[in-house]
C-alpha atoms as a PDB file:
ATOM      1  CA  MET A   1      23.338 -28.510   0.286  1.00  0.00           C
ATOM      2  CA  SER A   2      26.645 -29.443  -0.371  1.00  0.00           C
ATOM      3  CA  MET A   3      29.914 -28.717   1.775  1.00  0.00           C
ATOM      4  CA  GLY A   4      31.752 -27.763  -1.307  1.00  0.00           C
ATOM      5  CA  ASN A   5      30.346 -24.724  -1.991  1.00  0.00           C
ATOM      6  CA  ARG A   6      30.857 -23.337   1.149  1.00  0.00           C
ATOM      7  CA  PRO A   7      31.938 -19.860   1.146  1.00  0.00           C
ATOM      8  CA  GLN A   8      35.671 -19.577   2.718  1.00  0.00           C
ATOM      9  CA  GLY A   9      35.754 -18.727   6.266  1.00  0.00           C
ATOM     10  CA  ASP A  10      32.158 -19.888   7.111  1.00  0.00           C
ATOM     11  CA  ALA A  11      32.277 -22.804   9.850  1.00  0.00           C
ATOM     12  CA  ARG A  12      28.876 -23.911   9.352  1.00  0.00           C
ATOM     13  CA  PRO A  13      28.541 -27.356   7.351  1.00  0.00           C
ATOM     14  CA  GLY A  14      25.837 -27.186   4.776  1.00  0.00           C
ATOM     15  CA  ASN A  15      25.301 -23.592   4.953  1.00  0.00           C
ATOM     16  CA  LEU A  16      25.415 -21.557   1.641  1.00  0.00           C
ATOM     17  CA  ARG A  17      24.025 -18.851   2.912  1.00  0.00           C
ATOM     18  CA  PRO A  18      22.587 -17.034   5.517  1.00  0.00           C
ATOM     19  CA  LEU A  19      18.941 -17.550   7.107  1.00  0.00           C
ATOM     20  CA  ASP A  20      17.639 -14.155   6.358  1.00  0.00           C
ATOM     21  CA  GLN A  21      19.251 -15.187   2.533  1.00  0.00           C
ATOM     22  CA  ARG A  22      17.334 -18.381   2.274  1.00  0.00           C
ATOM     23  CA  VAL A  23      14.404 -17.586   4.245  1.00  0.00           C
ATOM     24  CA  ARG A  24      11.800 -15.681   2.418  1.00  0.00           C
ATOM     25  CA  SER A  25       8.191 -14.437   1.659  1.00  0.00           C
ATOM     26  CA  GLY A  26       6.113 -17.559   0.056  1.00  0.00           C
ATOM     27  CA  LEU A  27       7.779 -20.704   1.746  1.00  0.00           C
ATOM     28  CA  PRO A  28       4.952 -22.871   3.538  1.00  0.00           C
ATOM     29  CA  PRO A  29       3.956 -22.446   6.909  1.00  0.00           C
ATOM     30  CA  VAL A  30       6.674 -24.052   8.975  1.00  0.00           C
ATOM     31  CA  PHE A  31       6.608 -25.603  12.576  1.00  0.00           C
ATOM     32  CA  LEU A  32       9.750 -25.885  15.009  1.00  0.00           C
ATOM     33  CA  VAL A  33      10.547 -27.470  18.423  1.00  0.00           C
ATOM     34  CA  HIS A  34      12.903 -28.096  20.419  1.00  0.00           C
ATOM     35  CA  ALA A  35      14.645 -29.540  23.373  1.00  0.00           C
ATOM     36  CA  THR A  36      16.859 -26.718  25.645  1.00  0.00           C
ATOM     37  CA  ASP A  37      18.755 -29.842  26.948  1.00  0.00           C
ATOM     38  CA  ASP A  38      19.526 -30.729  22.900  1.00  0.00           C
ATOM     39  CA  ASP A  39      23.417 -31.707  23.070  1.00  0.00           C
ATOM     40  CA  THR A  40      24.247 -31.722  19.330  1.00  0.00           C
ATOM     41  CA  VAL A  41      22.019 -28.457  18.054  1.00  0.00           C
ATOM     42  CA  PRO A  42      21.786 -25.311  19.968  1.00  0.00           C
ATOM     43  CA  VAL A  43      18.348 -23.608  20.514  1.00  0.00           C
ATOM     44  CA  SER A  44      19.811 -20.848  19.140  1.00  0.00           C
ATOM     45  CA  HIS A  45      19.473 -22.223  15.584  1.00  0.00           C
ATOM     46  CA  SER A  46      15.343 -22.954  15.950  1.00  0.00           C
ATOM     47  CA  LEU A  47      15.127 -19.206  17.428  1.00  0.00           C
ATOM     48  CA  ASP A  48      17.352 -17.870  14.384  1.00  0.00           C
ATOM     49  CA  MET A  49      15.121 -19.935  11.922  1.00  0.00           C
ATOM     50  CA  PHE A  50      11.764 -18.632  13.930  1.00  0.00           C
ATOM     51  CA  THR A  51      13.338 -15.093  13.538  1.00  0.00           C
ATOM     52  CA  ALA A  52      13.899 -15.127   9.735  1.00  0.00           C
ATOM     53  CA  CYS A  53      10.315 -17.101   9.332  1.00  0.00           C
ATOM     54  CA  MET A  54       9.116 -13.854  11.014  1.00  0.00           C
ATOM     55  CA  ALA A  55      11.046 -11.491   9.283  1.00  0.00           C
ATOM     56  CA  ALA A  56       9.791 -12.419   6.003  1.00  0.00           C
ATOM     57  CA  GLY A  57       6.113 -12.934   6.969  1.00  0.00           C
ATOM     58  CA  VAL A  58       6.561 -17.000   6.693  1.00  0.00           C
ATOM     59  CA  PRO A  59       3.913 -18.583   8.995  1.00  0.00           C
ATOM     60  CA  VAL A  60       5.660 -20.257  11.613  1.00  0.00           C
ATOM     61  CA  GLU A  61       4.970 -21.444  14.995  1.00  0.00           C
ATOM     62  CA  MET A  62       7.700 -22.823  17.560  1.00  0.00           C
ATOM     63  CA  HIS A  63       7.873 -24.890  20.375  1.00  0.00           C
ATOM     64  CA  VAL A  64      11.030 -24.876  23.423  1.00  0.00           C
ATOM     65  CA  HIS A  65      10.607 -27.720  25.473  1.00  0.00           C
ATOM     66  CA  GLN A  66      12.910 -28.091  28.430  1.00  0.00           C
ATOM     67  CA  GLU A  67      14.077 -30.942  28.544  1.00  0.00           C
ATOM     68  CA  CYS A  68      14.009 -34.547  25.529  1.00  0.00           C
ATOM     69  CA  GLY A  69      17.358 -34.082  24.118  1.00  0.00           C
ATOM     70  CA  HIS A  70      18.069 -34.183  20.485  1.00  0.00           C
ATOM     71  CA  GLY A  71      15.365 -36.165  18.530  1.00  0.00           C
ATOM     72  CA  PHE A  72      12.870 -37.429  20.438  1.00  0.00           C
ATOM     73  CA  GLY A  73      10.639 -38.719  18.436  1.00  0.00           C
ATOM     74  CA  LEU A  74       6.852 -39.498  18.835  1.00  0.00           C
ATOM     75  CA  THR A  75       7.038 -41.337  22.065  1.00  0.00           C
ATOM     76  CA  LEU A  76       7.635 -40.054  25.550  1.00  0.00           C
ATOM     77  CA  PRO A  77       7.254 -40.866  29.102  1.00  0.00           C
ATOM     78  CA  ASP A  78       3.482 -38.869  29.643  1.00  0.00           C
ATOM     79  CA  ASP A  79       5.118 -36.799  32.284  1.00  0.00           C
ATOM     80  CA  ARG A  80       7.232 -34.552  29.936  1.00  0.00           C
ATOM     81  CA  PRO A  81       5.442 -31.684  28.224  1.00  0.00           C
ATOM     82  CA  ALA A  82       7.367 -32.705  25.137  1.00  0.00           C
ATOM     83  CA  SER A  83       5.587 -35.496  25.049  1.00  0.00           C
ATOM     84  CA  HIS A  84       2.328 -33.765  23.232  1.00  0.00           C
ATOM     85  CA  TRP A  85       4.142 -32.347  20.594  1.00  0.00           C
ATOM     86  CA  PRO A  86       2.626 -34.762  18.030  1.00  0.00           C
ATOM     87  CA  ASP A  87      -0.168 -33.493  18.800  1.00  0.00           C
ATOM     88  CA  ASP A  88       0.870 -29.413  18.876  1.00  0.00           C
ATOM     89  CA  PHE A  89       1.817 -30.641  15.383  1.00  0.00           C
ATOM     90  CA  ASP A  90      -1.135 -31.964  14.065  1.00  0.00           C
ATOM     91  CA  THR A  91      -3.159 -29.347  15.490  1.00  0.00           C
ATOM     92  CA  TRP A  92      -1.195 -26.528  13.881  1.00  0.00           C
ATOM     93  CA  ALA A  93      -0.990 -28.614  10.591  1.00  0.00           C
ATOM     94  CA  ARG A  94      -5.228 -28.873  10.772  1.00  0.00           C
ATOM     95  CA  ARG A  95      -5.449 -24.849  11.439  1.00  0.00           C
ATOM     96  CA  THR A  96      -3.074 -24.406   8.595  1.00  0.00           C
ATOM     97  CA  GLY A  97      -4.207 -26.718   5.879  1.00  0.00           C
ATOM     98  CA  ILE A  98      -1.226 -28.376   6.014  1.00  0.00           C
ATOM     99  CA  PHE A  99      -3.785 -31.464   5.760  1.00  0.00           C
ATOM    100  CA  GLY A 100      -6.240 -30.267   3.104  1.00  0.00           C
END
């Protein structure tokens, strides 16, 4: 989204409208994974997306992990619970039909 179209006074870069105006019924299922120690994007953003999806009737699943920071990728040490998120996504995607 272009920041040039951002309404005056909206300090959120790239947000043209609030989530409740952008998340609508009929969107594809949404999978969210976030770490609470992410110092780039607050976990509240994912919580807001989760809430907006629920309100719009969009299928949504969310996994929140205590640690792993921002952009923790596909490979993490096995001793971190977030290391299993790719398996969680795979299970969710198969259950929702994302993989056919």
